[in-house]
N, C-alpha and C. Protein backbone atom coordinates (compact mmCIF):
# COMPACT_ATOMS: atom_id res chain seq x y z
N MET A 1 0.86 -1.19 0.00
CA MET A 1 0.00 0.00 0.00
C MET A 1 0.89 1.24 0.00
N THR A 2 0.69 2.09 -0.97
CA THR A 2 1.48 3.32 -1.02
C THR A 2 0.99 4.28 0.04
N HIS A 3 1.85 5.26 0.37
CA HIS A 3 1.55 6.12 1.51
C HIS A 3 0.32 6.99 1.26
N GLU A 4 -0.01 7.28 -0.04
CA GLU A 4 -1.15 8.15 -0.31
C GLU A 4 -2.47 7.38 -0.45
N THR A 5 -2.41 6.07 -0.36
CA THR A 5 -3.61 5.25 -0.52
C THR A 5 -4.07 4.74 0.84
N SER A 6 -5.29 5.10 1.21
CA SER A 6 -5.80 4.70 2.52
C SER A 6 -6.48 3.35 2.45
N GLN A 7 -6.65 2.74 3.61
CA GLN A 7 -7.37 1.47 3.69
C GLN A 7 -8.80 1.64 3.20
N HIS A 8 -9.39 2.77 3.48
CA HIS A 8 -10.76 3.04 3.01
C HIS A 8 -10.83 2.99 1.48
N GLU A 9 -9.85 3.55 0.81
CA GLU A 9 -9.84 3.55 -0.65
C GLU A 9 -9.65 2.14 -1.21
N ILE A 10 -8.81 1.35 -0.55
CA ILE A 10 -8.62 -0.04 -0.97
C ILE A 10 -9.92 -0.81 -0.82
N GLU A 11 -10.60 -0.62 0.30
CA GLU A 11 -11.88 -1.30 0.52
C GLU A 11 -12.93 -0.84 -0.47
N ARG A 12 -12.93 0.46 -0.80
CA ARG A 12 -13.89 0.97 -1.78
C ARG A 12 -13.64 0.34 -3.16
N ALA A 13 -12.38 0.22 -3.54
CA ALA A 13 -12.05 -0.39 -4.82
C ALA A 13 -12.54 -1.84 -4.88
N GLY A 14 -12.32 -2.58 -3.79
CA GLY A 14 -12.79 -3.96 -3.75
C GLY A 14 -14.30 -4.05 -3.84
N ALA A 15 -14.99 -3.14 -3.16
CA ALA A 15 -16.45 -3.14 -3.19
C ALA A 15 -16.97 -2.80 -4.58
N LEU A 16 -16.32 -1.87 -5.26
CA LEU A 16 -16.73 -1.52 -6.62
C LEU A 16 -16.54 -2.71 -7.56
N LEU A 17 -15.43 -3.40 -7.44
CA LEU A 17 -15.17 -4.54 -8.31
C LEU A 17 -16.15 -5.67 -8.05
N ARG A 18 -16.45 -5.93 -6.77
CA ARG A 18 -17.41 -6.98 -6.42
C ARG A 18 -18.83 -6.58 -6.77
N GLY A 19 -19.12 -5.29 -6.72
CA GLY A 19 -20.49 -4.81 -6.88
C GLY A 19 -20.99 -4.81 -8.31
N HIS A 20 -20.11 -5.09 -9.25
CA HIS A 20 -20.49 -5.12 -10.66
C HIS A 20 -19.98 -6.41 -11.31
N THR A 21 -20.61 -6.80 -12.38
CA THR A 21 -20.13 -7.93 -13.18
C THR A 21 -20.11 -7.57 -14.65
N ALA A 22 -20.19 -6.28 -14.94
CA ALA A 22 -20.12 -5.80 -16.32
C ALA A 22 -19.50 -4.41 -16.31
N GLY A 23 -18.91 -4.04 -17.42
CA GLY A 23 -18.30 -2.72 -17.54
C GLY A 23 -17.92 -2.47 -18.98
N THR A 24 -17.05 -1.51 -19.19
CA THR A 24 -16.53 -1.20 -20.52
C THR A 24 -15.05 -1.55 -20.56
N LEU A 25 -14.67 -2.36 -21.53
CA LEU A 25 -13.27 -2.69 -21.72
C LEU A 25 -12.72 -1.78 -22.82
N ILE A 26 -11.75 -0.95 -22.44
CA ILE A 26 -11.11 -0.06 -23.40
C ILE A 26 -9.86 -0.77 -23.91
N VAL A 27 -9.89 -1.18 -25.17
CA VAL A 27 -8.80 -1.95 -25.76
C VAL A 27 -8.13 -1.11 -26.84
N ASP A 28 -6.92 -0.65 -26.56
CA ASP A 28 -6.22 0.26 -27.48
C ASP A 28 -7.15 1.39 -27.93
N ALA A 29 -7.81 2.01 -26.95
CA ALA A 29 -8.69 3.18 -27.13
C ALA A 29 -10.05 2.84 -27.74
N MET A 30 -10.34 1.56 -27.98
CA MET A 30 -11.64 1.16 -28.52
C MET A 30 -12.50 0.56 -27.40
N PRO A 31 -13.74 1.05 -27.21
CA PRO A 31 -14.59 0.55 -26.12
C PRO A 31 -15.43 -0.67 -26.52
N PHE A 32 -15.54 -1.61 -25.58
CA PHE A 32 -16.37 -2.80 -25.78
C PHE A 32 -17.15 -3.05 -24.49
N ASP A 33 -18.44 -3.34 -24.62
CA ASP A 33 -19.21 -3.80 -23.47
C ASP A 33 -18.69 -5.18 -23.08
N ILE A 34 -18.47 -5.39 -21.79
CA ILE A 34 -17.84 -6.63 -21.34
C ILE A 34 -18.53 -7.15 -20.09
N LYS A 35 -18.51 -8.46 -19.91
CA LYS A 35 -18.94 -9.08 -18.66
C LYS A 35 -17.72 -9.70 -18.00
N TYR A 36 -17.73 -9.75 -16.67
CA TYR A 36 -16.60 -10.34 -15.97
C TYR A 36 -17.09 -10.93 -14.65
N ILE A 37 -16.26 -11.75 -14.06
CA ILE A 37 -16.42 -12.15 -12.67
C ILE A 37 -15.04 -12.11 -12.02
N ILE A 38 -15.03 -12.13 -10.71
CA ILE A 38 -13.78 -12.26 -9.97
C ILE A 38 -13.50 -13.74 -9.75
N ASP A 39 -12.32 -14.19 -10.15
CA ASP A 39 -11.93 -15.58 -9.93
C ASP A 39 -11.74 -15.78 -8.42
N PRO A 40 -12.57 -16.61 -7.79
CA PRO A 40 -12.47 -16.72 -6.33
C PRO A 40 -11.15 -17.32 -5.84
N ARG A 41 -10.47 -18.08 -6.69
CA ARG A 41 -9.21 -18.69 -6.26
C ARG A 41 -8.03 -17.73 -6.36
N LEU A 42 -8.13 -16.76 -7.25
CA LEU A 42 -6.98 -15.89 -7.51
C LEU A 42 -7.22 -14.43 -7.17
N GLY A 43 -8.48 -13.98 -7.24
CA GLY A 43 -8.77 -12.58 -7.03
C GLY A 43 -8.63 -11.74 -8.28
N SER A 44 -8.17 -12.35 -9.37
CA SER A 44 -8.10 -11.68 -10.66
C SER A 44 -9.44 -11.86 -11.38
N LEU A 45 -9.50 -11.46 -12.65
CA LEU A 45 -10.78 -11.46 -13.35
C LEU A 45 -10.88 -12.59 -14.38
N VAL A 46 -12.10 -13.00 -14.64
CA VAL A 46 -12.41 -13.94 -15.71
C VAL A 46 -13.28 -13.20 -16.70
N LEU A 47 -12.87 -13.22 -17.97
CA LEU A 47 -13.60 -12.51 -19.01
C LEU A 47 -13.70 -13.38 -20.26
N ALA A 48 -14.62 -13.00 -21.15
CA ALA A 48 -14.67 -13.57 -22.49
C ALA A 48 -14.30 -12.44 -23.45
N VAL A 49 -13.32 -12.68 -24.31
CA VAL A 49 -12.79 -11.63 -25.18
C VAL A 49 -12.64 -12.17 -26.61
N THR A 50 -12.06 -11.35 -27.49
CA THR A 50 -11.73 -11.80 -28.84
C THR A 50 -10.22 -12.01 -28.93
N ILE A 51 -9.81 -12.71 -29.95
CA ILE A 51 -8.38 -12.93 -30.18
C ILE A 51 -7.64 -11.60 -30.31
N ASP A 52 -8.23 -10.66 -31.01
CA ASP A 52 -7.58 -9.36 -31.21
C ASP A 52 -7.31 -8.65 -29.89
N MET A 53 -8.24 -8.79 -28.94
CA MET A 53 -8.05 -8.13 -27.64
C MET A 53 -6.82 -8.67 -26.93
N LEU A 54 -6.53 -9.95 -27.10
CA LEU A 54 -5.39 -10.56 -26.42
C LEU A 54 -4.07 -9.99 -26.91
N ALA A 55 -4.05 -9.48 -28.14
CA ALA A 55 -2.82 -8.94 -28.71
C ALA A 55 -2.66 -7.45 -28.46
N SER A 56 -3.57 -6.86 -27.69
CA SER A 56 -3.55 -5.41 -27.49
C SER A 56 -2.50 -5.00 -26.48
N ASP A 57 -2.03 -3.76 -26.62
CA ASP A 57 -1.01 -3.22 -25.72
C ASP A 57 -1.59 -2.55 -24.48
N ASP A 58 -2.81 -2.03 -24.61
CA ASP A 58 -3.39 -1.26 -23.51
C ASP A 58 -4.83 -1.70 -23.29
N VAL A 59 -5.10 -2.29 -22.12
CA VAL A 59 -6.43 -2.80 -21.80
C VAL A 59 -6.84 -2.25 -20.44
N VAL A 60 -7.97 -1.55 -20.41
CA VAL A 60 -8.46 -0.94 -19.17
C VAL A 60 -9.94 -1.28 -19.01
N LEU A 61 -10.30 -1.79 -17.85
CA LEU A 61 -11.70 -2.04 -17.51
C LEU A 61 -12.23 -0.84 -16.75
N VAL A 62 -13.33 -0.25 -17.26
CA VAL A 62 -13.97 0.88 -16.60
C VAL A 62 -15.26 0.38 -15.98
N VAL A 63 -15.43 0.63 -14.69
CA VAL A 63 -16.62 0.18 -13.95
C VAL A 63 -17.35 1.39 -13.41
N PRO A 64 -18.68 1.45 -13.58
CA PRO A 64 -19.53 0.46 -14.24
C PRO A 64 -19.62 0.62 -15.75
N GLU A 65 -19.20 1.77 -16.30
CA GLU A 65 -19.22 1.99 -17.74
C GLU A 65 -18.29 3.15 -18.06
N ASP A 66 -17.95 3.29 -19.35
CA ASP A 66 -17.02 4.34 -19.76
C ASP A 66 -17.71 5.69 -19.78
N ARG A 67 -17.40 6.50 -18.79
CA ARG A 67 -17.91 7.86 -18.72
C ARG A 67 -16.88 8.69 -17.96
N PHE A 68 -16.97 10.01 -18.10
CA PHE A 68 -15.91 10.86 -17.54
C PHE A 68 -15.81 10.75 -16.02
N ASP A 69 -16.94 10.45 -15.36
CA ASP A 69 -16.93 10.38 -13.90
C ASP A 69 -16.98 8.94 -13.38
N ALA A 70 -16.55 7.99 -14.18
CA ALA A 70 -16.53 6.60 -13.74
C ALA A 70 -15.72 6.47 -12.46
N PRO A 71 -16.23 5.74 -11.46
CA PRO A 71 -15.53 5.67 -10.18
C PRO A 71 -14.24 4.86 -10.19
N MET A 72 -14.09 3.94 -11.18
CA MET A 72 -12.93 3.06 -11.13
C MET A 72 -12.47 2.66 -12.52
N ARG A 73 -11.14 2.66 -12.71
CA ARG A 73 -10.52 2.14 -13.93
C ARG A 73 -9.42 1.18 -13.51
N ALA A 74 -9.42 0.00 -14.14
CA ALA A 74 -8.46 -1.03 -13.78
C ALA A 74 -7.65 -1.43 -15.01
N GLY A 75 -6.33 -1.31 -14.90
CA GLY A 75 -5.46 -1.76 -15.98
C GLY A 75 -5.29 -3.26 -15.92
N LEU A 76 -5.54 -3.95 -17.03
CA LEU A 76 -5.51 -5.42 -17.06
C LEU A 76 -4.41 -5.95 -17.97
N GLU A 77 -3.94 -7.14 -17.62
CA GLU A 77 -3.07 -7.92 -18.49
C GLU A 77 -3.81 -9.21 -18.82
N LEU A 78 -4.15 -9.41 -20.09
CA LEU A 78 -4.96 -10.55 -20.50
C LEU A 78 -4.09 -11.72 -20.93
N SER A 79 -4.54 -12.93 -20.58
CA SER A 79 -3.88 -14.14 -21.06
C SER A 79 -4.93 -15.24 -21.17
N ILE A 80 -4.58 -16.34 -21.85
CA ILE A 80 -5.51 -17.47 -21.98
C ILE A 80 -5.18 -18.57 -20.98
N GLU A 81 -4.29 -18.29 -20.04
CA GLU A 81 -3.97 -19.26 -18.99
C GLU A 81 -5.06 -19.20 -17.92
N ILE A 82 -6.07 -20.03 -18.08
CA ILE A 82 -7.25 -19.96 -17.21
C ILE A 82 -7.77 -21.36 -16.94
N LYS A 83 -8.25 -21.58 -15.73
CA LYS A 83 -8.75 -22.88 -15.32
C LYS A 83 -10.21 -23.07 -15.75
N GLU A 84 -10.57 -24.31 -16.05
CA GLU A 84 -11.94 -24.62 -16.45
C GLU A 84 -12.94 -24.26 -15.34
N GLU A 85 -12.53 -24.43 -14.10
CA GLU A 85 -13.39 -24.09 -12.97
C GLU A 85 -13.81 -22.63 -13.02
N ALA A 86 -12.88 -21.75 -13.38
CA ALA A 86 -13.17 -20.32 -13.45
C ALA A 86 -14.14 -20.02 -14.58
N CYS A 87 -13.99 -20.72 -15.71
CA CYS A 87 -14.91 -20.53 -16.84
C CYS A 87 -16.31 -21.01 -16.48
N ASP A 88 -16.40 -22.12 -15.78
CA ASP A 88 -17.70 -22.64 -15.34
C ASP A 88 -18.39 -21.64 -14.41
N ARG A 89 -17.62 -21.00 -13.56
CA ARG A 89 -18.22 -20.02 -12.65
C ARG A 89 -18.72 -18.80 -13.42
N PHE A 90 -17.99 -18.37 -14.42
CA PHE A 90 -18.45 -17.28 -15.28
C PHE A 90 -19.81 -17.63 -15.89
N MET A 91 -19.94 -18.87 -16.39
CA MET A 91 -21.20 -19.29 -17.01
C MET A 91 -22.33 -19.35 -15.99
N ALA A 92 -22.02 -19.70 -14.75
CA ALA A 92 -23.06 -19.70 -13.71
C ALA A 92 -23.58 -18.30 -13.48
N TYR A 93 -22.71 -17.31 -13.57
CA TYR A 93 -23.12 -15.91 -13.39
C TYR A 93 -23.89 -15.38 -14.60
N HIS A 94 -23.38 -15.65 -15.79
CA HIS A 94 -23.87 -14.95 -16.98
C HIS A 94 -24.63 -15.82 -17.98
N LEU A 95 -24.54 -17.14 -17.85
CA LEU A 95 -25.25 -18.12 -18.70
C LEU A 95 -24.72 -18.19 -20.13
N ASP A 96 -24.04 -17.17 -20.59
CA ASP A 96 -23.42 -17.21 -21.91
C ASP A 96 -22.16 -16.35 -21.89
N ARG A 97 -21.38 -16.42 -22.95
CA ARG A 97 -20.21 -15.56 -23.06
C ARG A 97 -20.34 -14.73 -24.34
N PRO A 98 -20.18 -13.43 -24.23
CA PRO A 98 -20.42 -12.55 -25.38
C PRO A 98 -19.33 -12.61 -26.45
N TYR A 99 -18.14 -13.08 -26.08
CA TYR A 99 -17.03 -13.21 -27.02
C TYR A 99 -16.46 -14.62 -26.92
N PRO A 100 -15.74 -15.10 -27.95
CA PRO A 100 -15.44 -16.53 -28.04
C PRO A 100 -14.25 -17.05 -27.24
N VAL A 101 -13.41 -16.18 -26.69
CA VAL A 101 -12.17 -16.65 -26.07
C VAL A 101 -12.18 -16.38 -24.56
N TRP A 102 -11.92 -17.42 -23.78
CA TRP A 102 -11.80 -17.23 -22.34
C TRP A 102 -10.49 -16.53 -22.03
N ALA A 103 -10.52 -15.59 -21.11
CA ALA A 103 -9.31 -14.86 -20.74
C ALA A 103 -9.22 -14.67 -19.24
N HIS A 104 -7.98 -14.69 -18.77
CA HIS A 104 -7.64 -14.39 -17.39
C HIS A 104 -7.13 -12.96 -17.36
N GLY A 105 -7.70 -12.12 -16.53
CA GLY A 105 -7.30 -10.72 -16.46
C GLY A 105 -6.60 -10.39 -15.16
N ARG A 106 -5.27 -10.30 -15.18
CA ARG A 106 -4.54 -9.82 -14.01
C ARG A 106 -4.76 -8.33 -13.86
N ILE A 107 -5.00 -7.88 -12.66
CA ILE A 107 -5.24 -6.46 -12.40
C ILE A 107 -3.92 -5.79 -12.04
N ASN A 108 -3.36 -5.07 -13.00
CA ASN A 108 -2.07 -4.43 -12.75
C ASN A 108 -2.18 -3.27 -11.77
N PHE A 109 -3.29 -2.53 -11.87
CA PHE A 109 -3.51 -1.41 -10.96
C PHE A 109 -4.99 -1.03 -11.03
N VAL A 110 -5.45 -0.32 -10.04
CA VAL A 110 -6.78 0.29 -10.05
C VAL A 110 -6.61 1.77 -9.75
N LYS A 111 -7.28 2.60 -10.52
CA LYS A 111 -7.29 4.04 -10.25
C LYS A 111 -8.72 4.47 -9.96
N LEU A 112 -8.92 5.09 -8.80
CA LEU A 112 -10.24 5.56 -8.39
C LEU A 112 -10.45 7.00 -8.83
N ASP A 113 -11.72 7.43 -8.83
CA ASP A 113 -12.02 8.82 -9.20
C ASP A 113 -11.44 9.81 -8.20
N SER A 114 -11.08 9.34 -7.02
CA SER A 114 -10.43 10.21 -6.03
C SER A 114 -8.98 10.51 -6.38
N GLY A 115 -8.45 9.77 -7.36
CA GLY A 115 -7.05 9.90 -7.72
C GLY A 115 -6.17 8.83 -7.09
N ALA A 116 -6.70 8.06 -6.16
CA ALA A 116 -5.92 7.00 -5.51
C ALA A 116 -5.60 5.90 -6.51
N VAL A 117 -4.38 5.40 -6.45
CA VAL A 117 -3.94 4.30 -7.29
C VAL A 117 -3.60 3.12 -6.37
N ILE A 118 -4.20 1.97 -6.67
CA ILE A 118 -4.06 0.78 -5.82
C ILE A 118 -3.36 -0.30 -6.63
N ASP A 119 -2.35 -0.91 -6.05
CA ASP A 119 -1.57 -1.88 -6.82
C ASP A 119 -2.16 -3.28 -6.73
N GLN A 120 -1.58 -4.16 -7.53
CA GLN A 120 -2.10 -5.52 -7.69
C GLN A 120 -2.22 -6.27 -6.37
N SER A 121 -1.22 -6.16 -5.53
CA SER A 121 -1.21 -6.94 -4.30
C SER A 121 -2.33 -6.55 -3.35
N GLU A 122 -2.85 -5.33 -3.48
CA GLU A 122 -3.90 -4.86 -2.58
C GLU A 122 -5.30 -5.15 -3.12
N ILE A 123 -5.43 -5.39 -4.44
CA ILE A 123 -6.76 -5.58 -5.02
C ILE A 123 -7.04 -7.03 -5.39
N GLU A 124 -5.99 -7.79 -5.74
CA GLU A 124 -6.19 -9.19 -6.11
C GLU A 124 -6.08 -10.07 -4.87
N ARG A 125 -7.23 -10.34 -4.27
CA ARG A 125 -7.26 -11.14 -3.05
C ARG A 125 -8.13 -12.38 -3.26
N PRO A 126 -7.59 -13.58 -3.09
CA PRO A 126 -8.41 -14.79 -3.21
C PRO A 126 -9.55 -14.77 -2.21
N ASN A 127 -10.64 -15.42 -2.57
CA ASN A 127 -11.80 -15.53 -1.71
C ASN A 127 -11.57 -16.65 -0.69
N PRO A 128 -11.49 -16.34 0.60
CA PRO A 128 -11.22 -17.38 1.59
C PRO A 128 -12.34 -18.41 1.72
N LEU A 129 -13.51 -18.13 1.13
CA LEU A 129 -14.63 -19.08 1.19
C LEU A 129 -14.69 -19.97 -0.04
N VAL A 130 -13.66 -19.94 -0.90
CA VAL A 130 -13.74 -20.59 -2.20
C VAL A 130 -14.11 -22.08 -2.11
N ASP A 131 -13.53 -22.80 -1.16
CA ASP A 131 -13.80 -24.23 -1.08
C ASP A 131 -15.19 -24.53 -0.53
N ALA A 132 -15.80 -23.55 0.11
CA ALA A 132 -17.15 -23.73 0.67
C ALA A 132 -18.24 -23.19 -0.27
N LEU A 133 -17.85 -22.64 -1.43
CA LEU A 133 -18.83 -21.99 -2.31
C LEU A 133 -19.99 -22.90 -2.72
N PRO A 134 -19.73 -24.15 -3.16
CA PRO A 134 -20.87 -24.99 -3.56
C PRO A 134 -21.90 -25.18 -2.44
N GLY A 135 -21.41 -25.44 -1.24
CA GLY A 135 -22.33 -25.64 -0.12
C GLY A 135 -23.07 -24.39 0.28
N LEU A 136 -22.39 -23.25 0.25
CA LEU A 136 -23.04 -21.99 0.63
C LEU A 136 -24.09 -21.59 -0.41
N CYS A 137 -23.78 -21.77 -1.68
CA CYS A 137 -24.77 -21.47 -2.72
C CYS A 137 -25.96 -22.42 -2.62
N LYS A 138 -25.69 -23.68 -2.33
CA LYS A 138 -26.78 -24.65 -2.16
C LYS A 138 -27.67 -24.25 -1.00
N ARG A 139 -27.07 -23.78 0.08
CA ARG A 139 -27.84 -23.33 1.24
C ARG A 139 -28.72 -22.14 0.87
N LEU A 140 -28.18 -21.18 0.14
CA LEU A 140 -28.95 -20.01 -0.27
C LEU A 140 -30.07 -20.39 -1.23
N ASN A 141 -29.83 -21.35 -2.09
CA ASN A 141 -30.81 -21.72 -3.11
C ASN A 141 -31.83 -22.75 -2.64
N ALA A 142 -31.68 -23.22 -1.40
CA ALA A 142 -32.60 -24.23 -0.89
C ALA A 142 -34.02 -23.70 -0.76
N ASP A 143 -34.15 -22.40 -0.56
CA ASP A 143 -35.47 -21.76 -0.44
C ASP A 143 -35.44 -20.49 -1.29
N ARG A 144 -35.91 -20.60 -2.54
CA ARG A 144 -35.82 -19.46 -3.46
C ARG A 144 -36.71 -18.29 -3.02
N ARG A 145 -37.83 -18.61 -2.40
CA ARG A 145 -38.70 -17.52 -1.92
C ARG A 145 -37.98 -16.72 -0.85
N ALA A 146 -37.36 -17.43 0.11
CA ALA A 146 -36.62 -16.73 1.16
C ALA A 146 -35.44 -15.97 0.58
N LEU A 147 -34.79 -16.54 -0.43
CA LEU A 147 -33.67 -15.85 -1.07
C LEU A 147 -34.15 -14.52 -1.68
N GLY A 148 -35.28 -14.56 -2.37
CA GLY A 148 -35.83 -13.33 -2.93
C GLY A 148 -36.18 -12.33 -1.86
N ASP A 149 -36.74 -12.81 -0.76
CA ASP A 149 -37.11 -11.92 0.35
C ASP A 149 -35.87 -11.28 0.99
N VAL A 150 -34.81 -12.05 1.14
CA VAL A 150 -33.57 -11.50 1.71
C VAL A 150 -32.97 -10.45 0.77
N CYS A 151 -33.02 -10.73 -0.53
CA CYS A 151 -32.53 -9.75 -1.51
C CYS A 151 -33.30 -8.44 -1.40
N THR A 152 -34.62 -8.54 -1.27
CA THR A 152 -35.44 -7.34 -1.13
C THR A 152 -35.14 -6.61 0.17
N LEU A 153 -34.96 -7.38 1.25
CA LEU A 153 -34.66 -6.79 2.56
C LEU A 153 -33.36 -6.00 2.54
N LEU A 154 -32.33 -6.56 1.90
CA LEU A 154 -31.00 -5.96 1.97
C LEU A 154 -30.69 -4.99 0.83
N THR A 155 -31.43 -5.08 -0.28
CA THR A 155 -31.13 -4.21 -1.43
C THR A 155 -32.32 -3.35 -1.85
N HIS A 156 -33.49 -3.65 -1.31
CA HIS A 156 -34.73 -2.96 -1.68
C HIS A 156 -35.10 -3.21 -3.14
N ALA A 157 -34.55 -4.27 -3.73
CA ALA A 157 -34.88 -4.63 -5.11
C ALA A 157 -35.75 -5.88 -5.10
N SER A 158 -36.84 -5.84 -5.83
CA SER A 158 -37.71 -7.00 -5.97
C SER A 158 -37.31 -7.75 -7.23
N ILE A 159 -36.93 -9.02 -7.10
CA ILE A 159 -36.42 -9.78 -8.23
C ILE A 159 -37.18 -11.07 -8.43
N ASP A 160 -37.15 -11.57 -9.66
CA ASP A 160 -37.79 -12.84 -10.00
C ASP A 160 -36.72 -13.89 -10.28
N ASP A 161 -37.03 -15.13 -9.97
CA ASP A 161 -36.17 -16.28 -10.27
C ASP A 161 -34.74 -16.10 -9.77
N PRO A 162 -34.56 -15.80 -8.48
CA PRO A 162 -33.19 -15.60 -7.98
C PRO A 162 -32.42 -16.92 -7.88
N VAL A 163 -31.13 -16.87 -8.23
CA VAL A 163 -30.23 -18.01 -8.07
C VAL A 163 -28.91 -17.49 -7.51
N ALA A 164 -28.53 -17.94 -6.34
CA ALA A 164 -27.25 -17.54 -5.76
C ALA A 164 -26.12 -18.22 -6.52
N VAL A 165 -25.13 -17.43 -6.95
CA VAL A 165 -24.04 -17.97 -7.78
C VAL A 165 -22.66 -17.74 -7.17
N GLY A 166 -22.57 -16.96 -6.12
CA GLY A 166 -21.28 -16.71 -5.49
C GLY A 166 -21.43 -16.13 -4.10
N VAL A 167 -20.47 -16.44 -3.25
CA VAL A 167 -20.45 -15.94 -1.87
C VAL A 167 -19.01 -15.58 -1.51
N ASP A 168 -18.83 -14.47 -0.82
CA ASP A 168 -17.51 -14.08 -0.33
C ASP A 168 -17.70 -13.48 1.06
N PRO A 169 -16.64 -13.08 1.74
CA PRO A 169 -16.81 -12.58 3.11
C PRO A 169 -17.68 -11.34 3.23
N PHE A 170 -17.92 -10.63 2.14
CA PHE A 170 -18.66 -9.38 2.21
C PHE A 170 -20.12 -9.50 1.77
N GLY A 171 -20.47 -10.60 1.13
CA GLY A 171 -21.84 -10.75 0.66
C GLY A 171 -21.97 -11.86 -0.36
N PHE A 172 -23.05 -11.80 -1.15
CA PHE A 172 -23.25 -12.84 -2.15
C PHE A 172 -23.85 -12.25 -3.42
N ASP A 173 -23.73 -13.02 -4.51
CA ASP A 173 -24.20 -12.59 -5.82
C ASP A 173 -25.36 -13.46 -6.26
N VAL A 174 -26.38 -12.83 -6.81
CA VAL A 174 -27.60 -13.53 -7.20
C VAL A 174 -27.90 -13.24 -8.66
N ARG A 175 -27.98 -14.29 -9.44
CA ARG A 175 -28.40 -14.14 -10.84
C ARG A 175 -29.92 -14.06 -10.90
N CYS A 176 -30.42 -13.10 -11.67
CA CYS A 176 -31.86 -12.95 -11.82
C CYS A 176 -32.15 -12.53 -13.26
N ARG A 177 -33.38 -12.19 -13.55
CA ARG A 177 -33.76 -11.94 -14.95
C ARG A 177 -33.04 -10.75 -15.55
N PHE A 178 -32.71 -9.74 -14.74
CA PHE A 178 -32.11 -8.54 -15.31
C PHE A 178 -30.58 -8.57 -15.26
N GLY A 179 -29.99 -9.61 -14.70
CA GLY A 179 -28.53 -9.68 -14.61
C GLY A 179 -28.09 -10.29 -13.30
N VAL A 180 -27.08 -9.69 -12.68
CA VAL A 180 -26.54 -10.18 -11.41
C VAL A 180 -26.70 -9.09 -10.36
N LEU A 181 -27.33 -9.45 -9.25
CA LEU A 181 -27.56 -8.53 -8.14
C LEU A 181 -26.54 -8.80 -7.05
N ARG A 182 -25.89 -7.76 -6.58
CA ARG A 182 -24.97 -7.87 -5.46
C ARG A 182 -25.71 -7.62 -4.16
N VAL A 183 -25.54 -8.52 -3.19
CA VAL A 183 -26.19 -8.41 -1.89
C VAL A 183 -25.10 -8.43 -0.81
N GLU A 184 -24.98 -7.34 -0.08
CA GLU A 184 -23.96 -7.25 0.97
C GLU A 184 -24.48 -7.82 2.28
N PHE A 185 -23.64 -8.57 3.00
CA PHE A 185 -23.97 -9.00 4.34
C PHE A 185 -24.08 -7.78 5.26
N PRO A 186 -24.86 -7.87 6.33
CA PRO A 186 -24.91 -6.76 7.30
C PRO A 186 -23.53 -6.39 7.83
N SER A 187 -22.64 -7.38 7.96
CA SER A 187 -21.25 -7.14 8.31
C SER A 187 -20.44 -8.31 7.74
N PRO A 188 -19.13 -8.10 7.47
CA PRO A 188 -18.33 -9.17 6.86
C PRO A 188 -18.24 -10.40 7.75
N VAL A 189 -18.06 -11.56 7.10
CA VAL A 189 -17.85 -12.82 7.82
C VAL A 189 -16.39 -13.23 7.67
N HIS A 190 -15.93 -14.11 8.53
CA HIS A 190 -14.53 -14.49 8.53
C HIS A 190 -14.28 -15.89 8.00
N ASP A 191 -15.31 -16.73 8.01
CA ASP A 191 -15.13 -18.10 7.53
C ASP A 191 -16.48 -18.67 7.12
N ALA A 192 -16.46 -19.90 6.59
CA ALA A 192 -17.68 -20.52 6.08
C ALA A 192 -18.70 -20.75 7.19
N ARG A 193 -18.24 -21.12 8.36
CA ARG A 193 -19.17 -21.35 9.46
C ARG A 193 -19.95 -20.08 9.79
N GLN A 194 -19.25 -18.96 9.86
CA GLN A 194 -19.92 -17.71 10.15
C GLN A 194 -20.85 -17.31 9.01
N ALA A 195 -20.47 -17.61 7.78
CA ALA A 195 -21.34 -17.32 6.64
C ALA A 195 -22.64 -18.13 6.75
N GLU A 196 -22.52 -19.39 7.12
CA GLU A 196 -23.71 -20.24 7.32
C GLU A 196 -24.62 -19.65 8.39
N GLU A 197 -24.02 -19.16 9.47
CA GLU A 197 -24.81 -18.60 10.57
C GLU A 197 -25.54 -17.33 10.13
N VAL A 198 -24.86 -16.48 9.36
CA VAL A 198 -25.49 -15.25 8.90
C VAL A 198 -26.63 -15.57 7.93
N ILE A 199 -26.40 -16.51 7.03
CA ILE A 199 -27.47 -16.91 6.08
C ILE A 199 -28.67 -17.46 6.84
N ALA A 200 -28.41 -18.31 7.83
CA ALA A 200 -29.50 -18.87 8.62
C ALA A 200 -30.28 -17.78 9.34
N ALA A 201 -29.57 -16.79 9.89
CA ALA A 201 -30.23 -15.68 10.58
C ALA A 201 -31.06 -14.85 9.61
N LEU A 202 -30.53 -14.59 8.43
CA LEU A 202 -31.27 -13.81 7.43
C LEU A 202 -32.53 -14.54 6.99
N TYR A 203 -32.39 -15.82 6.76
CA TYR A 203 -33.56 -16.61 6.33
C TYR A 203 -34.59 -16.71 7.47
N GLY A 204 -34.08 -16.82 8.69
CA GLY A 204 -35.00 -16.85 9.83
C GLY A 204 -35.75 -15.53 9.98
N GLY A 205 -35.11 -14.43 9.58
CA GLY A 205 -35.74 -13.12 9.71
C GLY A 205 -36.82 -12.86 8.69
N VAL A 206 -36.86 -13.62 7.59
CA VAL A 206 -37.88 -13.40 6.57
C VAL A 206 -38.91 -14.52 6.53
N SER A 207 -38.72 -15.52 7.39
CA SER A 207 -39.67 -16.65 7.36
C SER A 207 -40.97 -16.30 8.08
C-alpha cells in the first residue's frame, strides 16, 4: 500500500469490483461492453474476449461503464492461462459468453475517481470461502422464496427467479432476470461457518 492510498480507498475499490459484473473494456482506445467475474481462487478477473483483444497493448476495464466520472478504472493484463473451474463459474453468473475466447485478467492497478492508485497486491485477493462456495450457494438456493425476500430486505430490489451464484466474506451474488444482483452481508464474515450462521439468521428473519 502506497503512503497516499488509505485502507478506506482499498476497501472501496474492492467493493466496486465486487459490486459489478459488467463494464466497458477499453482496448487500445476502442470501447467494448464486457462481462466479468472475480476468480475466487486468484482474485483476478475472468472474461470472455476476442483474439484481437489478447494482442492489445493497452487494456483498461472501466466500472460500471465508460464515462468521464466513472468511479474506477483497472489496468488489465490478459492471457488465456485460465482454469476450467473459473470458466464454469463465469457461465453460472452470466449463462453465456459474449465473445469466443476465455481470458484471465490480471489487475495491474486500479485508479479511483479520487485519484488514488491501488496496486495488484492490494486488489487481487483470493476468496477465503472458495472451497465452501458450492455448499453456501446450495444453502442459499434451498429456499428461493426466502432468497428473494432476503434480496429485497437488503437491497430494496424485488427480483424474480433468484439463483445464488457466489459468496464471499462481504456478501453474495444472485443471478436474476435482469442480470446479477450484489447483496452485501450486514457485516463481513470471517469463515464458512460464520457465513452459514449469517445466512440462517437472514432466512429466519424473513420466514
